[in-house]
Amino acid sequence: MNRGRDPVEREASGDRDLYEITTWERRTFLDSLAVGIHRLGVVSLRVVLVALAFVLLVAQLVLGGVGALVVDPVVGTLVLLSVVPALAIAVFIWYADVTTGEPLSLLVATFLLAILFAMFAAVINSFLQPIFGVLGFLGLVLFFFLVVGPVEETVKLLAVRLYAYRSTRFDAVIDGMVYGAVAGLGFATIENAFYITQGLDSGLAAMETVDEAGGTAAIRSLAGPGHVLYSAIAGFYLGLAKFNPGKAGPIVIKGLLIAAVLHALYNTLAGIVPGLLVASATWITLPVALIGFIVLYDGFVAYVLYRKVSRYMGAYRDVGAERVDERDLVSERTEFDP
């Protein structure tokens, strides 16, 4: 039994007009007005989200000390250096896309939107952390799993969903992984800027010297790759959802759950495992233990992502599809368009 169509539509002949009986399309002035109001509402919501995020970003630049990123070349350089590992992973994921090359305009827009929407996560985290803080270590773990992981992964995915996702150039499941990685890079960039300029990283006092800022940049460079990997996984599921619209909601939620749990688990274990390693082996220093843990953990997450990418690439090649570059698309449009 076909449950996708109304019984009247299913049984009617093809030449019968079923407008506002079982089907609908824009015909009358009122129809056009309804379509226009809907579009205006959707666009207005996007504009409001971006504007609010921009206001929060400006407030951080002016009041939160992050303005040093713009006016202080030393701080700016440290921030750039801190995201080099995350950038390397994002570039590798972009390179792994065997389908059409993604346009620079969409990549840059996603990166900038992730920077803006990171402000929502900063506000929510700052507001809720004291509430969980009264529960001690258990509260910190709950904060990671119930707030930090879900909120940060959601805002990164929102940066993809708001613009790139709607483009016709988002034309393959794996594209979601690429844009997710870029969103993670944008989020890591602004987060590193906060920590470097304000000295908010756990266990660090307010930074007074370039050496301290450099130390924070080194620490933050280890955290950036995780942001890229987690949001790349969530982005892959967003791409899967785009091509399975009837099941899009559960698919997106599954991707967010995986990314959020991996994110929260990293935050939790990073505060436990290095200390245990140092306690069990006196020859291991805390920085070495921390680096070792991060490399192993991010390596595991990268392997999970690699398995998804390799399965897609294998299927892509099995069906005989070929990669199309941006230059080829431009050439085709030039040749065949009137």
Protein backbone atom coordinates (compact mmCIF):
# COMPACT_ATOMS: atom_id res chain seq x y z
CA MET A 1 0.00 0.00 0.00
CA ASN A 2 1.35 3.41 -1.00
CA ARG A 3 1.25 5.59 2.12
CA GLY A 4 3.05 8.52 0.50
CA ARG A 5 0.02 9.88 -1.38
CA ASP A 6 -3.56 10.75 -0.55
CA PRO A 7 -6.12 8.15 -1.80
CA VAL A 8 -7.77 10.72 -4.09
CA GLU A 9 -4.45 11.70 -5.65
CA ARG A 10 -3.40 8.08 -5.97
CA GLU A 11 -6.54 7.04 -7.84
CA ALA A 12 -7.25 10.20 -9.85
CA SER A 13 -6.36 10.47 -13.50
CA GLY A 14 -3.39 12.59 -14.41
CA ASP A 15 -5.45 15.32 -16.07
CA ARG A 16 -7.64 16.10 -13.05
CA ASP A 17 -6.94 19.35 -11.21
CA LEU A 18 -6.48 18.56 -7.51
CA TYR A 19 -5.41 22.03 -6.42
CA GLU A 20 -6.37 22.53 -2.75
CA ILE A 21 -8.02 19.12 -2.77
CA THR A 22 -4.92 17.00 -2.28
CA THR A 23 -2.19 19.17 -3.83
CA TRP A 24 -1.09 22.76 -3.57
CA GLU A 25 0.96 25.17 -5.63
CA ARG A 26 1.28 28.91 -5.96
CA ARG A 27 -1.53 30.19 -8.17
CA THR A 28 -3.43 33.07 -6.56
CA PHE A 29 -2.30 36.34 -5.05
CA LEU A 30 -2.95 34.91 -1.58
CA ASP A 31 -0.78 31.90 -2.42
CA SER A 32 2.04 34.21 -3.47
CA LEU A 33 1.58 36.30 -0.34
CA ALA A 34 1.79 33.18 1.85
CA VAL A 35 4.97 32.06 0.08
CA GLY A 36 6.48 35.53 0.45
CA ILE A 37 5.67 35.75 4.17
CA HIS A 38 7.17 32.30 4.75
CA ARG A 39 10.35 33.20 2.90
CA LEU A 40 10.59 36.52 4.72
CA GLY A 41 10.21 34.75 8.05
CA VAL A 42 12.92 32.22 7.24
CA VAL A 43 15.30 34.89 5.97
CA SER A 44 14.54 37.15 8.94
CA LEU A 45 15.33 34.34 11.36
CA ARG A 46 18.70 33.79 9.71
CA VAL A 47 19.44 37.51 9.74
CA VAL A 48 18.51 37.78 13.42
CA LEU A 49 20.74 34.81 14.32
CA VAL A 50 23.72 36.24 12.45
CA ALA A 51 23.13 39.76 13.78
CA LEU A 52 22.86 38.57 17.37
CA ALA A 53 26.01 36.49 17.02
CA PHE A 54 27.80 39.49 15.50
CA VAL A 55 26.75 41.72 18.40
CA LEU A 56 28.07 39.15 20.87
CA LEU A 57 31.34 38.92 18.96
CA VAL A 58 31.77 42.70 18.95
CA ALA A 59 31.05 42.74 22.68
CA GLN A 60 33.81 40.20 23.22
CA LEU A 61 36.19 42.19 21.04
CA VAL A 62 35.48 45.42 22.89
CA LEU A 63 34.86 44.26 26.44
CA GLY A 64 36.42 40.83 26.64
CA GLY A 65 39.93 41.63 25.55
CA VAL A 66 39.76 39.65 22.31
CA GLY A 67 40.32 42.89 20.43
CA ALA A 68 44.02 42.28 21.03
CA LEU A 69 43.74 39.68 18.30
CA VAL A 70 43.16 42.49 15.81
CA VAL A 71 45.57 45.14 17.10
CA ASP A 72 48.41 43.04 18.53
CA PRO A 73 50.43 41.22 15.84
CA VAL A 74 52.06 38.96 18.45
CA VAL A 75 48.70 37.72 19.71
CA GLY A 76 47.39 37.35 16.16
CA THR A 77 50.45 35.31 15.20
CA LEU A 78 50.06 33.06 18.23
CA VAL A 79 46.41 32.44 17.38
CA LEU A 80 47.32 31.53 13.82
CA LEU A 81 50.04 29.16 15.00
CA SER A 82 47.66 27.57 17.48
CA VAL A 83 45.27 26.48 14.71
CA VAL A 84 47.90 25.04 12.36
CA PRO A 85 47.25 21.40 13.42
CA ALA A 86 43.48 21.90 13.09
CA LEU A 87 43.98 23.54 9.69
CA ALA A 88 46.10 20.61 8.52
CA ILE A 89 43.33 18.15 9.41
CA ALA A 90 40.67 20.32 7.75
CA VAL A 91 42.75 20.50 4.57
CA PHE A 92 43.21 16.73 4.58
CA ILE A 93 39.46 16.20 4.94
CA TRP A 94 38.85 18.66 2.11
CA TYR A 95 41.35 16.74 -0.01
CA ALA A 96 39.62 13.44 0.81
CA ASP A 97 36.41 14.67 -0.84
CA VAL A 98 36.33 12.61 -4.04
CA THR A 99 33.31 14.45 -5.46
CA THR A 100 33.07 17.99 -6.79
CA GLY A 101 35.48 20.54 -5.32
CA GLU A 102 33.78 22.89 -2.85
CA PRO A 103 33.76 26.60 -3.79
CA LEU A 104 35.92 28.91 -1.71
CA SER A 105 32.98 31.24 -1.08
CA LEU A 106 31.04 28.54 0.79
CA LEU A 107 34.09 27.42 2.74
CA VAL A 108 34.88 30.97 3.87
CA ALA A 109 31.24 31.69 4.74
CA THR A 110 31.07 28.53 6.85
CA PHE A 111 34.31 29.44 8.63
CA LEU A 112 33.05 32.94 9.46
CA LEU A 113 29.62 31.72 10.57
CA ALA A 114 31.28 29.25 12.92
CA ILE A 115 33.25 32.11 14.48
CA LEU A 116 30.05 34.10 14.94
CA PHE A 117 27.96 31.24 16.31
CA ALA A 118 30.70 30.28 18.75
CA MET A 119 29.44 33.29 20.71
CA PHE A 120 26.20 31.44 21.47
CA ALA A 121 28.16 28.54 22.95
CA ALA A 122 30.31 30.94 24.98
CA VAL A 123 27.28 32.62 26.50
CA ILE A 124 25.46 29.36 27.29
CA ASN A 125 28.56 27.72 28.74
CA SER A 126 29.37 30.75 30.91
CA PHE A 127 25.80 30.94 32.19
CA LEU A 128 25.40 27.25 33.06
CA GLN A 129 28.88 26.34 34.31
CA PRO A 130 28.37 27.81 37.82
CA ILE A 131 25.16 25.80 38.20
CA PHE A 132 26.97 22.52 37.54
CA GLY A 133 30.04 23.70 39.44
CA VAL A 134 28.35 23.27 42.82
CA LEU A 135 28.34 19.48 42.24
CA GLY A 136 32.12 19.24 42.11
CA PHE A 137 33.76 16.74 39.76
CA LEU A 138 30.44 15.03 38.96
CA GLY A 139 28.99 18.39 38.04
CA LEU A 140 31.95 19.07 35.74
CA VAL A 141 31.41 15.76 33.94
CA LEU A 142 27.68 16.45 33.62
CA PHE A 143 28.51 19.93 32.33
CA PHE A 144 30.70 18.42 29.61
CA PHE A 145 28.09 15.85 28.53
CA LEU A 146 24.91 17.90 28.90
CA VAL A 147 26.11 21.37 27.91
CA VAL A 148 29.56 21.73 26.35
CA GLY A 149 29.44 18.79 23.95
CA PRO A 150 25.85 19.22 22.69
CA VAL A 151 25.92 23.02 22.55
CA GLU A 152 29.27 23.43 20.82
CA GLU A 153 28.60 20.70 18.27
CA THR A 154 25.17 22.14 17.56
CA VAL A 155 26.40 25.67 16.90
CA LYS A 156 29.13 24.34 14.61
CA LEU A 157 26.56 22.35 12.65
CA LEU A 158 24.31 25.41 12.53
CA ALA A 159 27.12 27.27 10.75
CA VAL A 160 26.90 24.66 7.99
CA ARG A 161 23.12 24.35 7.95
CA LEU A 162 22.46 28.07 7.65
CA TYR A 163 24.26 28.66 4.36
CA ALA A 164 26.40 25.99 2.68
CA TYR A 165 23.80 23.28 3.24
CA ARG A 166 21.27 25.24 1.18
CA SER A 167 23.58 25.63 -1.80
CA THR A 168 23.25 23.47 -4.91
CA ARG A 169 27.00 22.95 -4.61
CA PHE A 170 26.33 20.90 -1.47
CA ASP A 171 25.64 18.00 -3.78
CA ALA A 172 27.08 14.94 -2.03
CA VAL A 173 26.86 13.35 1.42
CA ILE A 174 30.59 13.75 1.94
CA ASP A 175 30.31 17.51 1.42
CA GLY A 176 28.79 17.71 4.88
CA MET A 177 32.02 16.32 6.29
CA VAL A 178 34.08 18.99 4.52
CA TYR A 179 31.93 21.89 5.68
CA GLY A 180 31.70 20.41 9.17
CA ALA A 181 35.49 20.33 9.35
CA VAL A 182 35.69 23.97 8.23
CA ALA A 183 33.11 24.93 10.87
CA GLY A 184 35.23 23.15 13.46
CA LEU A 185 38.26 25.11 12.29
CA GLY A 186 36.40 28.41 12.66
CA PHE A 187 35.19 27.48 16.13
CA ALA A 188 38.69 26.40 17.22
CA THR A 189 40.16 29.66 15.90
CA ILE A 190 37.94 31.96 17.95
CA GLU A 191 38.09 29.70 21.01
CA ASN A 192 41.89 29.75 20.89
CA ALA A 193 41.76 33.52 20.57
CA PHE A 194 39.72 33.73 23.77
CA TYR A 195 42.11 31.57 25.74
CA ILE A 196 45.26 33.22 24.43
CA THR A 197 44.07 36.78 25.00
CA GLN A 198 42.34 36.23 28.32
CA GLY A 199 44.21 33.34 29.91
CA LEU A 200 41.00 31.40 30.60
CA ASP A 201 42.44 27.94 30.12
CA SER A 202 42.18 25.66 33.15
CA GLY A 203 45.07 26.09 35.55
CA LEU A 204 46.50 29.19 33.91
CA ALA A 205 46.67 32.58 35.57
CA ALA A 206 46.04 35.78 33.65
CA MET A 207 48.73 36.07 31.02
CA GLU A 208 51.23 38.83 31.52
CA THR A 209 54.05 37.82 29.20
CA VAL A 210 54.51 36.62 25.65
CA ASP A 211 55.99 33.39 27.03
CA GLU A 212 52.77 32.64 28.89
CA ALA A 213 50.73 33.44 25.79
CA GLY A 214 52.97 31.16 23.77
CA GLY A 215 52.45 28.37 26.29
CA THR A 216 48.70 28.76 26.04
CA ALA A 217 48.91 28.77 22.24
CA ALA A 218 50.82 25.49 22.38
CA ILE A 219 48.18 23.94 24.64
CA ARG A 220 45.32 25.21 22.48
CA SER A 221 46.97 23.82 19.35
CA LEU A 222 46.34 20.37 20.82
CA ALA A 223 42.63 21.05 21.35
CA GLY A 224 41.89 22.41 17.85
CA PRO A 225 42.08 19.11 15.89
CA GLY A 226 39.35 17.63 18.06
CA HIS A 227 36.92 20.39 17.10
CA VAL A 228 37.56 19.69 13.42
CA LEU A 229 37.16 15.92 13.79
CA TYR A 230 33.99 16.00 15.89
CA SER A 231 32.17 18.47 13.65
CA ALA A 232 33.33 16.63 10.54
CA ILE A 233 31.55 13.53 11.83
CA ALA A 234 28.40 15.53 12.65
CA GLY A 235 28.67 17.19 9.23
CA PHE A 236 28.84 13.82 7.50
CA TYR A 237 25.50 12.91 9.03
CA LEU A 238 24.10 16.31 8.03
CA GLY A 239 25.08 15.47 4.46
CA LEU A 240 23.41 12.07 4.83
CA ALA A 241 20.29 13.80 6.10
CA LYS A 242 20.13 16.12 3.09
CA PHE A 243 19.80 13.16 0.75
CA ASN A 244 17.35 11.32 3.02
CA PRO A 245 14.85 14.11 3.72
CA GLY A 246 12.18 11.78 5.08
CA LYS A 247 14.52 10.69 7.88
CA ALA A 248 16.61 13.85 8.18
CA GLY A 249 15.77 14.63 11.81
CA PRO A 250 16.93 11.35 13.37
CA ILE A 251 20.00 11.27 11.13
CA VAL A 252 21.12 14.76 12.22
CA ILE A 253 20.47 13.91 15.88
CA LYS A 254 22.54 10.73 15.56
CA GLY A 255 25.46 12.69 14.15
CA LEU A 256 25.19 15.31 16.89
CA LEU A 257 25.01 12.62 19.59
CA ILE A 258 28.18 10.94 18.32
CA ALA A 259 30.05 14.24 18.04
CA ALA A 260 28.82 15.51 21.42
CA VAL A 261 29.75 12.30 23.26
CA LEU A 262 33.21 12.19 21.67
CA HIS A 263 33.69 15.87 22.57
CA ALA A 264 32.51 15.47 26.18
CA LEU A 265 34.48 12.27 26.67
CA TYR A 266 37.64 14.03 25.51
CA ASN A 267 37.07 16.91 27.94
CA THR A 268 36.49 14.47 30.79
CA LEU A 269 39.38 12.10 30.11
CA ALA A 270 41.85 14.93 29.40
CA GLY A 271 41.53 15.94 33.04
CA ILE A 272 41.97 12.39 34.37
CA VAL A 273 44.16 10.19 32.17
CA PRO A 274 47.34 12.34 32.05
CA GLY A 275 47.38 12.60 35.84
CA LEU A 276 46.97 8.84 36.19
CA LEU A 277 49.84 8.25 33.77
CA VAL A 278 52.12 10.56 35.73
CA ALA A 279 51.15 8.89 39.01
CA SER A 280 51.79 5.41 37.63
CA ALA A 281 55.10 6.22 35.95
CA THR A 282 57.27 8.89 37.56
CA TRP A 283 59.41 9.21 34.44
CA ILE A 284 56.42 10.58 32.50
CA THR A 285 55.91 14.32 32.81
CA LEU A 286 52.45 15.87 32.71
CA PRO A 287 52.96 17.62 29.33
CA VAL A 288 54.17 14.37 27.75
CA ALA A 289 51.23 12.47 29.23
CA LEU A 290 48.78 15.10 27.97
CA ILE A 291 50.23 15.10 24.46
CA GLY A 292 50.25 11.31 24.38
CA PHE A 293 46.61 11.12 25.47
CA ILE A 294 45.47 13.71 22.91
CA VAL A 295 47.35 12.00 20.06
CA LEU A 296 45.82 8.63 20.93
CA TYR A 297 42.31 9.97 21.45
CA ASP A 298 42.26 12.15 18.34
CA GLY A 299 43.84 9.26 16.44
CA PHE A 300 40.91 7.05 17.45
CA VAL A 301 38.35 9.69 16.37
CA ALA A 302 40.26 10.21 13.11
CA TYR A 303 40.09 6.46 12.49
CA VAL A 304 36.31 6.50 12.99
CA LEU A 305 36.05 9.33 10.48
CA TYR A 306 38.45 7.59 8.10
CA ARG A 307 36.27 4.49 8.08
CA LYS A 308 33.28 6.55 6.99
CA VAL A 309 35.29 8.36 4.34
CA SER A 310 36.84 5.16 2.98
CA ARG A 311 33.43 3.47 2.70
CA TYR A 312 32.07 6.44 0.79
CA MET A 313 35.12 6.65 -1.46
CA GLY A 314 34.92 2.93 -2.20
CA ALA A 315 31.24 3.15 -3.12
CA TYR A 316 31.89 6.28 -5.18
CA ARG A 317 34.52 4.51 -7.25
CA ASP A 318 32.54 1.26 -7.50
CA VAL A 319 29.65 3.00 -9.21
CA GLY A 320 32.02 4.64 -11.68
CA ALA A 321 31.58 8.23 -10.57
CA GLU A 322 34.35 10.72 -11.38
CA ARG A 323 35.52 13.79 -9.53
CA VAL A 324 34.54 17.12 -11.08
CA ASP A 325 36.66 20.18 -10.33
CA GLU A 326 35.39 23.73 -10.02
CA ARG A 327 37.21 24.61 -13.24
CA ASP A 328 35.34 21.86 -15.09
CA LEU A 329 32.01 23.21 -13.84
CA VAL A 330 32.89 26.71 -14.98
CA SER A 331 33.96 25.36 -18.34
CA GLU A 332 30.69 23.43 -18.76
CA ARG A 333 28.60 26.46 -17.91
CA THR A 334 30.55 28.56 -20.38
CA GLU A 335 30.21 26.01 -23.15
CA PHE A 336 26.57 25.06 -22.89
CA ASP A 337 24.83 28.03 -21.29
CA PRO A 338 23.25 30.47 -23.76
